[in-house]
Amino acid sequence: MTMIKSLILGSAAGLIAMSGAQAADLPVKVKAVEYVKICSLYGAGFYYIPGTDTCLKIGGFIRVDTSFNSSGVYSTPQFQGTGATNTRNKDYFVGRARANLNMDTRTATEYGVVRTFVNTQFQWSDNTDGIAGGNNEVDYAFIQFAGFTIGKAVSQFDPQWVLAHPSISSGFTGGSDQKTGIPQLAYTASFGNGFSATISAETPRPYRVAGIYDGNDSIGVPGITGYTNSIAGQQIPDFVGNLRLDQAWGSLHFAGAVHHVSAQYNGLAGTATGENTGHPDDKFGYALTAGFEIKNLPTGVGDSLKADVTYANGASRYVFGGTSNVSGSGYTIFNGNGAAFGQYMDAVFASPGGVVPAADLQLSTDWGARIFYEHYWNPAWRTSLYGVYARHENTGTGNAILVNRYNAAFGGGITGDANFSIYQVGSRTAWTPVKNLTFSAEVQYAWMDTGLSGTITPTGFTNRTNPVVLGSQGTLVGQVQALRSF
């Protein structure tokens, strides 16, 4: 009996153990995997961030450029920097590698779409960076909500196509040519059928400030070092307004800006500059622009024509604008024993009791025009042609001050006026063998027409020691580029 009981109990224990083991092997319900879903609300490339109703798009590009006879990595003509003197110290070619990354998020709300956008870049240039050097920048970073744009975004003054004109060069005169955003607070009202109106307050410095020159200060070396800038501190933003029409055929753009012009204190001989010396009265400048873009011209599918005209008074950088031109040093072209130079500024004045007669703020006048045409030979090949014109003029008093100071700096003998014009014409051809991969080449000729004449001693112009004759001059620049977008 005892043996029978032991067998029964042992068998029961074994069955219990087996059932426990089998229970442990039973499948357990696993938490469902949340896959990334495509967001089709805002175009291709958007995905829902898992667990949210926010859509995200990540993109960017890798770009490699080489420029020949240029002022630097923006492929501007060689009319700025030490190379503009055309001596043995100049770089005949300059290379750059750039990596770009951008993120675009959008969320549908009862107030409309909330959007954020950020664009960052990492760049290395062989003429400015060390072996392990380089720089990074935040070109755009803004929030859009209920019609408001807050942050660093495209200036409301600029036509949107400025970001995509068909060229490699970024150094165009003739109008606003920013390659980064401008800090702003803007509001856009949309009226339907592509028509909208925007008002904004935008940070003027350093993007829109050309500088103010006091005739008693150093004039600097045009194109090499800037003049002594007598601009006061940043006090009032630039106020900008635009009207836009965006449709399938293209766009129309009209904009205006108000720009505050304010100088520092007068510089009086033998007196420390300060509030006791007074200052010229503030003034307001302005800028106006009108532009258009026409898509899919009769000349071919994808062909486009883009153009704008700009006028400014006391707001030079709206015409001589651009991220590549924030130094304010002006322009210089040397060829053999000839040279041309000029400096742009918002205003000129002269403190009382100085080396030139006293004068209040003399606002400059600038105007320019740009036109870009692009033709697609086939889906893989396209060629663009462009032309640009920009003009800077000073008042009679302003010219008298500047010519006086040029004579003092460069040995006398200068006549005429300090007004000047810049012409730029060029062409780019691009080949896209596969989607999002483009190889392109460009050539551009720039011409500077100066109002100055005479023979000078080029003091301060790098490695230039022999006398040169002032007159209009030109320069040629070339670029090649490889671009992979994603």
Protein backbone atom coordinates (compact mmCIF):
# COMPACT_ATOMS: atom_id res chain seq x y z
CA MET A 1 0.00 0.00 0.00
CA THR A 2 2.80 2.37 0.91
CA MET A 3 4.46 1.69 -2.44
CA ILE A 4 1.19 2.36 -4.33
CA LYS A 5 0.73 5.69 -2.54
CA SER A 6 4.30 6.70 -3.40
CA LEU A 7 3.75 5.90 -7.10
CA ILE A 8 0.50 7.88 -7.23
CA LEU A 9 1.99 10.90 -5.49
CA GLY A 10 5.11 10.81 -7.66
CA SER A 11 3.06 10.61 -10.84
CA ALA A 12 0.89 13.51 -9.73
CA ALA A 13 3.95 15.61 -8.94
CA GLY A 14 5.40 14.81 -12.35
CA LEU A 15 2.19 15.79 -14.13
CA ILE A 16 2.07 19.07 -12.19
CA ALA A 17 5.68 19.81 -13.10
CA MET A 18 5.03 19.00 -16.76
CA SER A 19 1.92 21.16 -16.88
CA GLY A 20 3.91 24.03 -15.31
CA ALA A 21 6.62 23.69 -17.91
CA GLN A 22 4.07 23.61 -20.70
CA ALA A 23 2.36 26.68 -19.26
CA ALA A 24 5.67 28.52 -19.34
CA ASP A 25 5.99 27.66 -23.02
CA LEU A 26 2.58 29.08 -23.95
CA PRO A 27 2.80 32.18 -26.24
CA VAL A 28 2.48 35.56 -24.51
CA LYS A 29 0.70 38.46 -26.30
CA VAL A 30 3.45 40.82 -27.50
CA LYS A 31 2.91 44.59 -27.58
CA ALA A 32 2.06 45.64 -31.12
CA VAL A 33 4.89 47.18 -33.16
CA GLU A 34 4.11 50.76 -34.22
CA TYR A 35 5.45 51.14 -37.74
CA VAL A 36 6.40 54.47 -39.29
CA LYS A 37 3.56 55.58 -41.53
CA ILE A 38 3.71 57.77 -44.62
CA CYS A 39 2.15 61.22 -44.20
CA SER A 40 0.58 62.27 -47.50
CA LEU A 41 -0.89 65.57 -46.28
CA TYR A 42 2.06 67.80 -47.19
CA GLY A 43 3.68 66.18 -50.21
CA ALA A 44 6.33 63.54 -50.77
CA GLY A 45 8.90 62.66 -48.13
CA PHE A 46 6.83 63.22 -44.97
CA TYR A 47 6.33 60.53 -42.31
CA TYR A 48 4.40 60.48 -39.06
CA ILE A 49 6.62 60.59 -35.99
CA PRO A 50 5.57 57.36 -34.17
CA GLY A 51 3.05 57.97 -31.42
CA THR A 52 2.19 61.50 -32.62
CA ASP A 53 0.12 63.30 -35.22
CA THR A 54 3.16 65.32 -36.36
CA CYS A 55 4.63 64.78 -39.81
CA LEU A 56 8.40 65.04 -40.37
CA LYS A 57 10.51 65.40 -43.49
CA ILE A 58 14.31 65.16 -43.41
CA GLY A 59 16.40 66.27 -46.37
CA GLY A 60 19.65 67.88 -47.38
CA PHE A 61 22.50 67.76 -49.84
CA ILE A 62 26.23 67.33 -50.31
CA ARG A 63 27.82 69.96 -52.54
CA VAL A 64 31.39 70.29 -53.77
CA ASP A 65 32.47 73.47 -55.60
CA THR A 66 35.60 74.79 -57.23
CA SER A 67 35.78 78.44 -58.32
CA PHE A 68 38.37 79.96 -60.62
CA ASN A 69 39.45 83.61 -60.29
CA SER A 70 36.77 84.26 -57.67
CA SER A 71 36.67 86.24 -54.44
CA GLY A 72 35.90 83.15 -52.39
CA VAL A 73 33.63 80.21 -51.83
CA TYR A 74 30.46 82.03 -52.90
CA SER A 75 31.90 82.13 -56.44
CA THR A 76 31.69 85.91 -56.63
CA PRO A 77 33.83 87.69 -59.24
CA GLN A 78 37.24 88.64 -57.93
CA PHE A 79 36.41 92.24 -57.08
CA GLN A 80 36.76 91.87 -53.31
CA GLY A 81 39.53 90.67 -51.01
CA THR A 82 43.29 90.63 -51.44
CA GLY A 83 43.01 88.68 -54.70
CA ALA A 84 41.25 91.64 -56.32
CA THR A 85 44.61 93.40 -56.64
CA ASN A 86 45.60 90.67 -59.13
CA THR A 87 49.10 90.04 -57.77
CA ARG A 88 50.98 86.84 -56.96
CA ASN A 89 49.34 86.42 -53.57
CA LYS A 90 45.89 85.76 -55.05
CA ASP A 91 44.31 82.29 -55.21
CA TYR A 92 43.59 81.29 -58.79
CA PHE A 93 41.12 78.65 -57.61
CA VAL A 94 39.23 77.97 -54.38
CA GLY A 95 37.48 74.76 -53.27
CA ARG A 96 34.62 74.11 -50.89
CA ALA A 97 32.74 71.09 -49.52
CA ARG A 98 29.37 71.59 -47.86
CA ALA A 99 26.96 69.25 -46.08
CA ASN A 100 23.39 70.46 -45.56
CA LEU A 101 20.68 69.00 -43.34
CA ASN A 102 17.12 70.27 -42.95
CA MET A 103 14.08 69.15 -40.97
CA ASP A 104 10.49 70.20 -41.65
CA THR A 105 7.67 69.33 -39.20
CA ARG A 106 3.94 69.97 -39.60
CA THR A 107 0.98 69.34 -37.33
CA ALA A 108 -2.68 69.94 -38.18
CA THR A 109 -4.52 71.91 -35.44
CA GLU A 110 -7.75 73.85 -35.04
CA TYR A 111 -5.73 77.00 -35.82
CA GLY A 112 -4.32 75.55 -39.01
CA VAL A 113 -1.00 73.85 -39.63
CA VAL A 114 1.80 74.43 -37.12
CA ARG A 115 5.10 74.25 -38.95
CA THR A 116 8.74 74.32 -37.82
CA PHE A 117 11.72 74.35 -40.15
CA VAL A 118 15.46 74.27 -39.52
CA ASN A 119 18.31 74.24 -42.02
CA THR A 120 21.90 73.72 -40.89
CA GLN A 121 25.12 73.52 -42.85
CA PHE A 122 28.64 72.28 -42.27
CA GLN A 123 31.28 73.71 -44.58
CA TRP A 124 34.99 73.47 -45.28
CA SER A 125 36.84 75.87 -47.58
CA ASP A 126 40.47 75.54 -48.58
CA ASN A 127 41.19 79.27 -48.53
CA THR A 128 39.92 79.96 -45.01
CA ASP A 129 39.89 76.70 -43.00
CA GLY A 130 42.63 74.52 -41.55
CA ILE A 131 43.08 70.79 -42.12
CA ALA A 132 40.61 69.91 -39.38
CA GLY A 133 38.76 73.21 -39.59
CA GLY A 134 35.48 74.28 -41.08
CA ASN A 135 32.41 76.00 -39.79
CA ASN A 136 28.77 75.30 -39.19
CA GLU A 137 25.82 77.66 -39.48
CA VAL A 138 22.08 77.80 -38.93
CA ASP A 139 20.68 79.34 -42.10
CA TYR A 140 16.98 78.97 -41.24
CA ALA A 141 15.12 78.27 -38.01
CA PHE A 142 11.50 79.39 -37.72
CA ILE A 143 8.00 78.56 -36.47
CA GLN A 144 4.82 79.23 -38.45
CA PHE A 145 1.48 79.36 -36.65
CA ALA A 146 -1.89 80.95 -37.48
CA GLY A 147 -0.36 83.14 -40.19
CA PHE A 148 2.66 84.21 -38.12
CA THR A 149 6.29 83.47 -38.99
CA ILE A 150 8.69 83.76 -36.06
CA GLY A 151 12.44 83.25 -36.40
CA LYS A 152 15.09 83.19 -39.09
CA ALA A 153 13.25 82.88 -42.40
CA VAL A 154 13.41 84.18 -45.97
CA SER A 155 13.07 87.97 -45.95
CA GLN A 156 9.57 89.10 -46.89
CA PHE A 157 11.23 91.62 -49.21
CA ASP A 158 12.77 88.91 -51.40
CA PRO A 159 11.02 87.06 -54.23
CA GLN A 160 10.93 83.38 -53.27
CA TRP A 161 12.77 82.37 -56.44
CA VAL A 162 15.89 84.21 -55.20
CA LEU A 163 16.73 81.00 -53.33
CA ALA A 164 16.72 79.02 -56.58
CA HIS A 165 18.03 81.21 -59.36
CA PRO A 166 19.73 79.02 -61.99
CA SER A 167 23.38 79.67 -61.20
CA ILE A 168 26.26 78.45 -59.08
CA SER A 169 27.39 81.94 -58.04
CA SER A 170 25.83 83.49 -54.96
CA GLY A 171 27.43 86.89 -55.35
CA PHE A 172 24.91 88.85 -57.39
CA THR A 173 24.34 92.57 -57.09
CA GLY A 174 21.25 94.28 -58.51
CA GLY A 175 18.87 93.28 -55.73
CA SER A 176 18.45 91.42 -52.46
CA ASP A 177 20.34 88.12 -52.68
CA GLN A 178 20.30 86.59 -49.20
CA LYS A 179 21.38 82.96 -48.90
CA THR A 180 20.30 82.69 -45.27
CA GLY A 181 17.18 83.72 -43.42
CA ILE A 182 16.75 87.04 -41.64
CA PRO A 183 15.38 87.09 -38.04
CA GLN A 184 11.82 88.40 -38.22
CA LEU A 185 8.30 88.55 -36.89
CA ALA A 186 5.88 88.41 -39.81
CA TYR A 187 2.16 87.97 -40.41
CA THR A 188 0.70 86.72 -43.69
CA ALA A 189 -2.94 87.06 -44.72
CA SER A 190 -4.04 84.70 -47.51
CA PHE A 191 -6.99 85.79 -49.64
CA GLY A 192 -7.39 82.73 -51.86
CA ASN A 193 -6.36 81.90 -55.43
CA GLY A 194 -2.70 82.32 -54.46
CA PHE A 195 -2.99 85.97 -53.44
CA SER A 196 -1.43 87.00 -50.11
CA ALA A 197 -0.12 90.02 -48.20
CA THR A 198 2.58 90.06 -45.52
CA ILE A 199 3.94 92.58 -43.04
CA SER A 200 7.09 91.98 -41.02
CA ALA A 201 9.66 93.48 -38.68
CA GLU A 202 13.13 92.23 -39.64
CA THR A 203 16.55 92.52 -38.03
CA PRO A 204 18.68 94.84 -40.20
CA ARG A 205 22.13 93.90 -38.92
CA PRO A 206 24.25 92.55 -40.52
CA TYR A 207 22.10 91.76 -43.54
CA ARG A 208 20.68 95.18 -44.45
CA VAL A 209 23.21 97.63 -42.99
CA ALA A 210 25.65 99.09 -45.53
CA GLY A 211 27.27 101.52 -43.09
CA ILE A 212 27.67 105.28 -42.63
CA TYR A 213 30.88 107.18 -43.40
CA ASP A 214 32.09 110.31 -41.57
CA GLY A 215 34.36 112.28 -43.90
CA ASN A 216 36.79 112.90 -41.04
CA ASP A 217 37.52 109.19 -40.56
CA SER A 218 39.61 106.67 -42.49
CA ILE A 219 38.25 105.83 -45.93
CA GLY A 220 39.94 102.42 -45.78
CA VAL A 221 41.02 100.54 -48.90
CA PRO A 222 38.06 99.87 -51.23
CA GLY A 223 37.45 96.17 -51.76
CA ILE A 224 40.15 95.25 -49.23
CA THR A 225 39.32 96.85 -45.88
CA GLY A 226 36.17 98.75 -44.98
CA TYR A 227 35.98 102.43 -44.18
CA THR A 228 35.58 103.47 -40.53
CA ASN A 229 31.90 102.81 -39.96
CA SER A 230 30.08 105.51 -37.98
CA ILE A 231 26.77 103.70 -37.77
CA ALA A 232 24.94 103.90 -34.43
CA GLY A 233 23.62 100.92 -32.52
CA GLN A 234 20.67 98.92 -33.78
CA GLN A 235 17.55 100.81 -32.68
CA ILE A 236 14.64 100.09 -35.02
CA PRO A 237 13.94 97.00 -37.16
CA ASP A 238 13.36 97.26 -40.87
CA PHE A 239 9.62 97.22 -41.57
CA VAL A 240 8.72 95.24 -44.67
CA GLY A 241 5.49 94.60 -46.54
CA ASN A 242 4.73 92.57 -49.65
CA LEU A 243 1.94 91.52 -51.99
CA ARG A 244 2.26 88.13 -53.72
CA LEU A 245 0.44 86.11 -56.34
CA ASP A 246 1.49 82.46 -56.61
CA GLN A 247 -0.12 80.23 -59.22
CA ALA A 248 0.73 77.28 -61.45
CA TRP A 249 2.02 79.54 -64.24
CA GLY A 250 4.41 81.42 -61.93
CA SER A 251 4.34 84.32 -59.48
CA LEU A 252 4.27 88.10 -59.03
CA HIS A 253 5.97 89.85 -56.12
CA PHE A 254 5.83 93.48 -54.94
CA ALA A 255 7.54 94.63 -51.73
CA GLY A 256 8.72 97.68 -49.85
CA ALA A 257 10.90 98.29 -46.80
CA VAL A 258 11.59 101.18 -44.41
CA HIS A 259 15.18 101.38 -43.12
CA HIS A 260 16.43 103.47 -40.17
CA VAL A 261 19.67 105.43 -40.83
CA SER A 262 21.38 106.58 -37.63
CA ALA A 263 24.98 107.74 -37.08
CA GLN A 264 27.24 107.78 -34.03
CA TYR A 265 28.47 110.98 -32.40
CA ASN A 266 30.37 113.64 -34.29
CA GLY A 267 34.13 113.31 -34.21
CA LEU A 268 35.61 116.72 -33.37
CA ALA A 269 39.32 117.47 -33.53
CA GLY A 270 40.85 117.65 -30.05
CA THR A 271 37.62 116.50 -28.36
CA ALA A 272 36.78 113.03 -27.11
CA THR A 273 33.83 111.69 -29.09
CA GLY A 274 30.70 111.35 -26.99
CA GLU A 275 27.34 112.82 -26.18
CA ASN A 276 28.91 116.24 -25.71
CA THR A 277 29.90 116.39 -29.42
CA GLY A 278 26.40 115.91 -30.81
CA HIS A 279 25.42 113.83 -33.82
CA PRO A 280 23.70 114.25 -37.19
CA ASP A 281 19.93 113.89 -37.18
CA ASP A 282 18.54 110.43 -37.92
CA LYS A 283 16.84 109.77 -41.24
CA PHE A 284 14.78 106.98 -42.77
CA GLY A 285 15.63 105.26 -46.01
CA TYR A 286 13.48 102.90 -48.03
CA ALA A 287 13.56 100.24 -50.73
CA LEU A 288 11.04 99.05 -53.34
CA THR A 289 11.07 95.96 -55.52
CA ALA A 290 8.92 94.23 -58.13
CA GLY A 291 9.57 90.80 -59.59
CA PHE A 292 8.01 87.90 -61.46
CA GLU A 293 8.57 84.28 -62.40
CA ILE A 294 7.04 82.54 -65.43
CA LYS A 295 7.18 78.75 -65.53
CA ASN A 296 6.93 76.30 -68.44
CA LEU A 297 7.57 78.83 -71.19
CA PRO A 298 6.63 78.04 -74.81
CA THR A 299 10.34 77.36 -75.45
CA GLY A 300 10.10 74.04 -73.59
CA VAL A 301 8.76 72.09 -70.64
CA GLY A 302 10.46 73.26 -67.45
CA ASP A 303 11.79 76.47 -69.01
CA SER A 304 11.50 79.54 -66.80
CA LEU A 305 12.05 83.29 -66.81
CA LYS A 306 12.70 85.22 -63.58
CA ALA A 307 13.34 88.94 -63.17
CA ASP A 308 13.13 91.79 -60.68
CA VAL A 309 13.95 95.49 -60.34
CA THR A 310 14.86 97.25 -57.08
CA TYR A 311 15.24 100.88 -56.04
CA ALA A 312 16.63 102.12 -52.71
CA ASN A 313 17.32 105.42 -50.99
CA GLY A 314 19.50 105.27 -47.88
CA ALA A 315 19.26 101.46 -47.95
CA SER A 316 22.10 100.31 -50.21
CA ARG A 317 22.18 96.68 -49.19
CA TYR A 318 18.74 96.06 -50.65
CA VAL A 319 20.47 96.51 -54.04
CA PHE A 320 24.04 95.53 -53.16
CA GLY A 321 22.75 92.82 -50.89
CA GLY A 322 23.72 89.25 -50.29
CA THR A 323 25.17 87.00 -47.64
CA SER A 324 28.46 86.98 -49.52
CA ASN A 325 28.82 90.75 -49.27
CA VAL A 326 28.42 91.74 -45.62
CA SER A 327 31.88 93.28 -45.14
CA GLY A 328 30.93 96.63 -46.63
CA SER A 329 34.39 97.11 -48.10
CA GLY A 330 33.15 97.82 -51.61
CA TYR A 331 34.64 96.65 -54.91
CA THR A 332 38.04 96.74 -56.61
CA ILE A 333 39.31 95.35 -59.93
CA PHE A 334 42.99 95.61 -60.95
CA ASN A 335 44.21 94.74 -64.45
CA GLY A 336 47.81 95.56 -65.34
CA ASN A 337 48.34 99.25 -64.61
CA GLY A 338 44.61 99.99 -64.53
CA ALA A 339 42.17 99.86 -61.63
CA ALA A 340 38.56 100.55 -60.72
CA PHE A 341 37.11 100.85 -57.24
CA GLY A 342 34.05 102.05 -55.39
CA GLN A 343 32.35 101.84 -52.00
CA TYR A 344 28.66 101.73 -51.22
CA MET A 345 27.10 103.02 -48.01
CA ASP A 346 23.71 104.09 -46.70
CA ALA A 347 24.89 107.65 -46.06
CA VAL A 348 27.85 110.02 -45.88
CA PHE A 349 28.23 112.94 -43.45
CA ALA A 350 30.98 115.18 -42.08
CA SER A 351 31.43 116.22 -38.47
CA PRO A 352 31.80 119.99 -37.86
CA GLY A 353 35.33 121.38 -37.64
CA GLY A 354 36.94 118.55 -39.58
CA VAL A 355 39.04 118.34 -42.72
CA VAL A 356 35.97 118.63 -44.96
CA PRO A 357 33.00 121.02 -44.64
CA ALA A 358 30.34 119.88 -42.19
CA ALA A 359 27.35 118.06 -43.66
CA ASP A 360 24.35 116.15 -42.35
CA LEU A 361 23.47 112.62 -43.47
CA GLN A 362 23.62 112.42 -47.27
CA LEU A 363 21.54 109.38 -48.23
CA SER A 364 22.77 107.34 -51.18
CA THR A 365 20.60 106.19 -54.09
CA ASP A 366 20.81 102.69 -55.56
CA TRP A 367 18.92 100.75 -58.18
CA GLY A 368 19.33 97.44 -59.96
CA ALA A 369 17.78 94.82 -62.21
CA ARG A 370 18.26 91.08 -62.68
CA ILE A 371 16.98 88.57 -65.23
CA PHE A 372 17.47 84.78 -65.38
CA TYR A 373 16.37 82.46 -68.19
CA GLU A 374 16.70 78.67 -68.07
CA HIS A 375 16.07 76.23 -70.93
CA TYR A 376 15.76 72.44 -70.69
CA TRP A 377 17.28 70.72 -73.73
CA ASN A 378 15.90 67.44 -72.37
CA PRO A 379 15.13 66.11 -68.87
CA ALA A 380 18.85 65.64 -68.16
CA TRP A 381 20.41 68.80 -69.65
CA ARG A 382 19.61 72.46 -69.08
CA THR A 383 21.32 75.81 -69.69
CA SER A 384 20.71 79.21 -68.12
CA LEU A 385 21.57 82.75 -69.20
CA TYR A 386 21.51 85.74 -66.86
CA GLY A 387 22.25 89.43 -66.68
CA VAL A 388 22.54 91.76 -63.67
CA TYR A 389 22.94 95.52 -63.31
CA ALA A 390 23.47 97.62 -60.15
CA ARG A 391 24.12 101.34 -59.70
CA HIS A 392 25.26 103.32 -56.63
CA GLU A 393 25.09 107.12 -56.52
CA ASN A 394 25.97 109.66 -53.85
CA THR A 395 24.66 113.19 -53.50
CA GLY A 396 26.83 116.06 -54.74
CA THR A 397 27.96 116.75 -51.18
CA GLY A 398 28.58 113.06 -50.56
CA ASN A 399 30.72 112.79 -53.70
CA ALA A 400 32.77 115.85 -52.70
CA ILE A 401 33.51 114.27 -49.31
CA LEU A 402 34.50 110.91 -50.78
CA VAL A 403 36.72 112.27 -53.57
CA ASN A 404 38.48 114.49 -51.01
CA ARG A 405 39.22 111.50 -48.80
CA TYR A 406 40.35 109.31 -51.74
CA ASN A 407 42.83 112.01 -52.75
CA ALA A 408 44.15 112.18 -49.18
CA ALA A 409 44.55 108.40 -49.02
CA PHE A 410 46.01 107.71 -52.47
CA GLY A 411 48.28 110.63 -53.26
CA GLY A 412 45.97 113.08 -55.01
CA GLY A 413 45.15 113.44 -58.69
CA ILE A 414 41.66 111.90 -58.51
CA THR A 415 38.82 113.67 -60.31
CA GLY A 416 35.22 112.80 -61.14
CA ASP A 417 32.76 111.28 -58.68
CA ALA A 418 32.48 108.20 -56.48
CA ASN A 419 29.41 106.80 -58.26
CA PHE A 420 29.79 103.39 -59.90
CA SER A 421 27.94 100.58 -61.67
CA ILE A 422 28.36 96.80 -61.71
CA TYR A 423 27.37 94.60 -64.68
CA GLN A 424 27.31 90.79 -64.52
CA VAL A 425 26.49 88.39 -67.38
CA GLY A 426 26.89 84.64 -67.33
CA SER A 427 25.70 81.17 -68.24
CA ARG A 428 25.43 77.83 -66.45
CA THR A 429 24.96 74.37 -67.96
CA ALA A 430 23.82 71.50 -65.73
CA TRP A 431 23.64 67.74 -66.31
CA THR A 432 21.44 65.49 -64.15
CA PRO A 433 22.24 61.88 -65.17
CA VAL A 434 20.09 60.41 -62.40
CA LYS A 435 17.52 61.93 -60.07
CA ASN A 436 18.96 64.30 -57.43
CA LEU A 437 22.53 64.20 -58.79
CA THR A 438 23.71 67.23 -60.79
CA PHE A 439 27.02 68.29 -62.31
CA SER A 440 27.26 71.87 -63.53
CA ALA A 441 29.67 74.45 -64.90
CA GLU A 442 29.33 78.22 -65.13
CA VAL A 443 31.19 81.19 -66.56
CA GLN A 444 30.54 84.84 -65.65
CA TYR A 445 31.97 88.18 -66.73
CA ALA A 446 31.74 91.18 -64.39
CA TRP A 447 32.38 94.79 -65.37
CA MET A 448 32.79 97.78 -63.06
CA ASP A 449 32.11 101.24 -64.47
CA THR A 450 33.58 103.90 -62.17
CA GLY A 451 33.11 107.65 -62.12
CA LEU A 452 36.63 108.19 -60.77
CA SER A 453 39.59 109.05 -62.99
CA GLY A 454 43.24 109.99 -62.51
CA THR A 455 46.48 108.28 -61.51
CA ILE A 456 46.97 107.10 -57.93
CA THR A 457 49.54 105.47 -55.69
CA PRO A 458 47.69 102.31 -54.54
CA THR A 459 48.65 102.56 -50.87
CA GLY A 460 47.12 99.68 -48.89
CA PHE A 461 46.18 97.59 -51.92
CA THR A 462 47.93 94.27 -51.26
CA ASN A 463 51.34 94.05 -52.99
CA ARG A 464 50.51 96.99 -55.27
CA THR A 465 53.21 99.67 -55.27
CA ASN A 466 53.34 101.08 -58.81
CA PRO A 467 51.01 103.91 -59.88
CA VAL A 468 47.75 102.84 -61.57
CA VAL A 469 45.27 104.67 -63.78
CA LEU A 470 41.65 104.74 -62.61
CA GLY A 471 39.02 103.66 -65.12
CA SER A 472 36.43 100.96 -65.80
CA GLN A 473 37.64 97.35 -65.53
CA GLY A 474 36.34 93.80 -65.98
CA THR A 475 37.05 90.31 -64.64
CA LEU A 476 36.13 86.73 -65.57
CA VAL A 477 35.13 83.98 -63.13
CA GLY A 478 34.36 80.28 -63.60
CA GLN A 479 32.85 77.57 -61.41
CA VAL A 480 32.22 73.83 -61.45
CA GLN A 481 29.99 71.97 -59.00
CA ALA A 482 28.80 68.49 -58.02
CA LEU A 483 25.51 68.33 -56.06
CA ARG A 484 23.75 65.33 -54.53
CA SER A 485 20.38 66.05 -52.90
CA PHE A 486 18.34 63.72 -50.72
